[in-house]
Amino acid sequence: MSRRRKRVLTAEERALWDEVRKSLRKPAAPPAAMVPDLATPIPPVAHPRPVDVQKLARFRTGASRAATTHIDTAPDPAQAPGVSQLDRRTMAKLRTGRERPQARLDLHGMFLDEAHDALNGFIRRSHAERKKMVLVITGKGRQVDHAFHHTPHRRGVLRHALPQWLAAPALAPMILRIVPAQPRDGGAGAWYVWLRRSAK
C-alpha cells in the first residue's frame, strides 16, 4: 500500500491563505472591571435574619405572652356610666353561692351585629321570664403582640360595647344594674346584669 504524498500549496493558494489569516482578529480582552482582583478579599454575603417561627405562630393565633403590651384607645368599660360595683353583701352572696346567675349568654366568636342581636334577644327573654340576674360573657379581647402591632388599638370590642348596648333605649328600661363579674364567672371578660321586675 503506497503512502499518500503531502500536497504542496501553489503560490496563488499560499497568497490567498495569508490574506485569510490577516483578516482574522484576536478576541478582545475583557474590561478591567470584569477581571476579578484575586488579591482583594470578597466581602461576605449578608443573609436575611431568620424568621422566629414561634413568634409568628403567636401572632397568627392571637396567643398572649408575658412581654405583650397594649394601648387601649377606650376607657375601662367597668368605669362607664351606668356600671356599678359589687357591694360587700352581694359579693358575699355570690361567693357563697346564695346568689347565682339564672341564665348565661356567651358572645365569644361573634361579630358585632350578631352579638348585638343575641344580647337583645337574651335580655328580652330573661326579662319576660322574670329572671333576677343573668351573666353575659364577652371575653377580655385578644392580646396584641407589640413586636408586630405598634399603633394604638382597642382590645375587647364586645367588652367595650356591652355597657353601651344595655344603656340604649331598647334595653335600658329592663336593666337594674350592670356589674363586672367575679373571677369565678369570667372576671373582666364577663358581666352580671340585674333585671328589673317585669309587670305581670
Protein backbone atom coordinates (compact mmCIF):
# COMPACT_ATOMS: atom_id res chain seq x y z
CA MET A 1 0.00 0.00 0.00
CA SER A 2 1.52 3.29 -1.11
CA ARG A 3 1.75 6.26 1.23
CA ARG A 4 -0.18 9.37 0.28
CA ARG A 5 2.06 12.21 -0.75
CA LYS A 6 1.69 15.56 1.01
CA ARG A 7 0.18 18.20 -1.27
CA VAL A 8 2.19 21.39 -1.64
CA LEU A 9 0.31 24.70 -1.90
CA THR A 10 0.73 26.69 -5.04
CA ALA A 11 1.87 30.31 -4.92
CA GLU A 12 -1.69 31.55 -5.52
CA GLU A 13 -3.14 29.33 -2.73
CA ARG A 14 -0.41 30.46 -0.27
CA ALA A 15 -1.15 34.15 -1.03
CA LEU A 16 -4.88 33.55 -0.52
CA TRP A 17 -4.26 31.76 2.79
CA ASP A 18 -2.09 34.64 4.02
CA GLU A 19 -4.93 37.08 3.27
CA VAL A 20 -7.37 34.95 5.24
CA ARG A 21 -5.01 34.81 8.24
CA LYS A 22 -4.58 38.61 8.22
CA SER A 23 -8.37 39.12 8.22
CA LEU A 24 -8.81 37.07 11.43
CA ARG A 25 -8.85 39.20 14.60
CA LYS A 26 -7.76 38.20 18.05
CA PRO A 27 -10.56 38.20 20.71
CA ALA A 28 -10.79 41.50 22.57
CA ALA A 29 -9.53 41.48 26.17
CA PRO A 30 -12.30 41.82 28.83
CA PRO A 31 -12.61 45.20 30.57
CA ALA A 32 -10.52 45.63 33.69
CA ALA A 33 -13.67 45.96 35.82
CA MET A 34 -14.76 42.44 34.82
CA VAL A 35 -11.48 40.82 35.77
CA PRO A 36 -11.56 39.87 39.47
CA ASP A 37 -8.73 41.09 41.63
CA LEU A 38 -7.64 37.95 43.42
CA ALA A 39 -5.61 39.97 45.91
CA THR A 40 -8.75 41.76 47.26
CA PRO A 41 -10.85 39.63 49.65
CA ILE A 42 -14.50 39.17 48.68
CA PRO A 43 -16.88 40.61 51.33
CA PRO A 44 -19.25 38.07 52.91
CA VAL A 45 -22.85 37.99 51.66
CA ALA A 46 -25.35 39.38 54.20
CA HIS A 47 -28.00 36.73 54.84
CA PRO A 48 -31.54 37.81 55.89
CA ARG A 49 -32.41 37.48 59.58
CA PRO A 50 -34.06 34.10 60.24
CA VAL A 51 -37.81 34.19 60.95
CA ASP A 52 -38.87 33.39 64.50
CA VAL A 53 -41.48 30.72 63.74
CA GLN A 54 -42.84 30.64 67.31
CA LYS A 55 -43.33 34.42 67.37
CA LEU A 56 -45.09 34.28 64.01
CA ALA A 57 -47.38 31.49 65.26
CA ARG A 58 -48.28 33.52 68.37
CA PHE A 59 -49.10 36.50 66.16
CA ARG A 60 -51.34 34.45 63.84
CA THR A 61 -53.26 32.74 66.62
CA GLY A 62 -53.52 35.82 68.84
CA ALA A 63 -51.96 33.93 71.77
CA SER A 64 -50.70 36.14 74.59
CA ARG A 65 -47.28 36.14 76.20
CA ALA A 66 -45.73 37.73 79.27
CA ALA A 67 -43.97 40.58 77.41
CA THR A 68 -47.07 41.66 75.48
CA THR A 69 -48.24 45.25 75.90
CA HIS A 70 -51.26 47.05 74.52
CA ILE A 71 -52.51 50.60 74.19
CA ASP A 72 -56.25 50.79 74.74
CA THR A 73 -57.89 53.70 72.94
CA ALA A 74 -61.07 53.49 75.06
CA PRO A 75 -61.54 53.89 78.83
CA ASP A 76 -62.12 50.86 81.01
CA PRO A 77 -65.74 49.77 80.41
CA ALA A 78 -66.02 48.97 84.13
CA GLN A 79 -65.87 52.76 84.68
CA ALA A 80 -68.54 53.52 82.05
CA PRO A 81 -71.73 55.37 83.07
CA GLY A 82 -74.39 53.00 84.38
CA VAL A 83 -71.89 50.36 85.53
CA SER A 84 -72.00 49.63 89.26
CA GLN A 85 -69.53 47.95 91.60
CA LEU A 86 -70.35 44.98 93.78
CA ASP A 87 -71.25 45.83 97.35
CA ARG A 88 -69.99 43.59 100.14
CA ARG A 89 -73.33 41.97 100.78
CA THR A 90 -73.87 40.95 97.15
CA MET A 91 -70.24 39.87 96.83
CA ALA A 92 -70.67 37.59 99.84
CA LYS A 93 -73.83 36.08 98.34
CA LEU A 94 -72.04 35.39 95.07
CA ARG A 95 -69.03 33.93 96.82
CA THR A 96 -71.11 31.58 98.96
CA GLY A 97 -73.44 30.64 96.11
CA ARG A 98 -76.56 32.13 97.69
CA GLU A 99 -76.96 34.27 94.59
CA ARG A 100 -76.03 32.89 91.18
CA PRO A 101 -76.81 33.90 87.58
CA GLN A 102 -80.07 32.33 86.44
CA ALA A 103 -79.02 32.30 82.79
CA ARG A 104 -75.89 32.98 80.78
CA LEU A 105 -75.02 34.20 77.29
CA ASP A 106 -71.59 33.65 75.74
CA LEU A 107 -70.75 36.11 72.93
CA HIS A 108 -67.31 34.66 72.19
CA GLY A 109 -66.50 34.46 68.48
CA MET A 110 -69.46 36.57 67.35
CA PHE A 111 -69.33 39.60 65.07
CA LEU A 112 -70.66 42.88 66.48
CA ASP A 113 -74.04 42.74 64.72
CA GLU A 114 -74.50 39.07 65.60
CA ALA A 115 -73.57 39.70 69.25
CA HIS A 116 -75.89 42.71 69.48
CA ASP A 117 -78.85 40.71 68.17
CA ALA A 118 -78.06 37.81 70.51
CA LEU A 119 -77.88 40.15 73.50
CA ASN A 120 -81.18 41.84 72.66
CA GLY A 121 -82.99 38.51 72.39
CA PHE A 122 -81.38 37.15 75.55
CA ILE A 123 -82.24 40.17 77.72
CA ARG A 124 -85.81 40.30 76.43
CA ARG A 125 -86.38 36.58 77.10
CA SER A 126 -84.78 36.73 80.54
CA HIS A 127 -86.86 39.78 81.47
CA ALA A 128 -90.05 38.14 80.23
CA GLU A 129 -89.21 35.04 82.30
CA ARG A 130 -88.79 37.29 85.37
CA LYS A 131 -85.16 36.32 85.93
CA LYS A 132 -83.40 38.42 88.55
CA MET A 133 -79.75 38.25 87.44
CA VAL A 134 -78.01 36.88 84.34
CA LEU A 135 -74.41 36.55 83.18
CA VAL A 136 -73.15 37.86 79.82
CA ILE A 137 -69.68 36.73 78.73
CA THR A 138 -67.85 38.97 76.25
CA GLY A 139 -64.26 37.87 76.75
CA LYS A 140 -61.35 40.21 77.51
CA GLY A 141 -60.24 40.54 73.91
CA ARG A 142 -57.12 39.22 72.24
CA GLN A 143 -53.67 40.31 73.32
CA VAL A 144 -51.74 42.07 70.54
CA ASP A 145 -48.01 41.39 70.24
CA HIS A 146 -46.15 44.74 70.35
CA ALA A 147 -43.47 43.28 68.09
CA PHE A 148 -46.00 43.28 65.24
CA HIS A 149 -48.51 45.95 66.33
CA HIS A 150 -47.20 49.45 67.10
CA THR A 151 -50.34 51.56 66.65
CA PRO A 152 -52.97 52.25 69.33
CA HIS A 153 -55.80 49.77 69.24
CA ARG A 154 -58.91 48.80 71.18
CA ARG A 155 -58.75 45.50 73.00
CA GLY A 156 -62.04 43.69 73.58
CA VAL A 157 -64.57 45.34 71.25
CA LEU A 158 -67.52 43.36 72.67
CA ARG A 159 -66.42 44.13 76.22
CA HIS A 160 -66.48 47.86 75.47
CA ALA A 161 -69.76 47.70 73.54
CA LEU A 162 -71.85 45.80 76.13
CA PRO A 163 -72.47 48.67 78.61
CA GLN A 164 -73.47 50.93 75.71
CA TRP A 165 -75.87 48.33 74.31
CA LEU A 166 -77.51 47.78 77.69
CA ALA A 167 -77.86 51.56 78.20
CA ALA A 168 -79.62 52.00 74.83
CA PRO A 169 -83.36 52.89 74.93
CA ALA A 170 -84.37 49.42 73.69
CA LEU A 171 -82.93 47.62 76.75
CA ALA A 172 -82.36 50.27 79.43
CA PRO A 173 -85.92 50.02 80.91
CA MET A 174 -85.28 46.32 81.65
CA ILE A 175 -81.87 46.81 83.30
CA LEU A 176 -81.49 47.45 87.02
CA ARG A 177 -77.68 47.46 87.13
CA ILE A 178 -74.57 46.11 85.41
CA VAL A 179 -71.59 44.84 87.40
CA PRO A 180 -68.24 43.30 86.30
CA ALA A 181 -68.24 39.61 87.14
CA GLN A 182 -66.23 37.84 89.81
CA PRO A 183 -63.20 35.77 88.68
CA ARG A 184 -65.14 32.51 89.10
CA ASP A 185 -67.65 33.73 86.48
CA GLY A 186 -65.20 35.24 83.99
CA GLY A 187 -63.78 38.29 85.76
CA ALA A 188 -63.12 41.27 83.48
CA GLY A 189 -64.42 39.29 80.49
CA ALA A 190 -67.96 38.88 81.85
CA TRP A 191 -70.81 40.93 83.33
CA TYR A 192 -73.58 40.38 85.84
CA VAL A 193 -76.80 42.01 84.66
CA TRP A 194 -79.59 42.55 87.21
CA LEU A 195 -83.00 42.89 85.60
CA ARG A 196 -85.99 44.91 86.70
CA ARG A 197 -89.11 43.02 87.61
CA SER A 198 -91.42 42.73 84.65
CA ALA A 199 -95.05 43.73 85.05
CA LYS A 200 -97.44 40.77 85.28
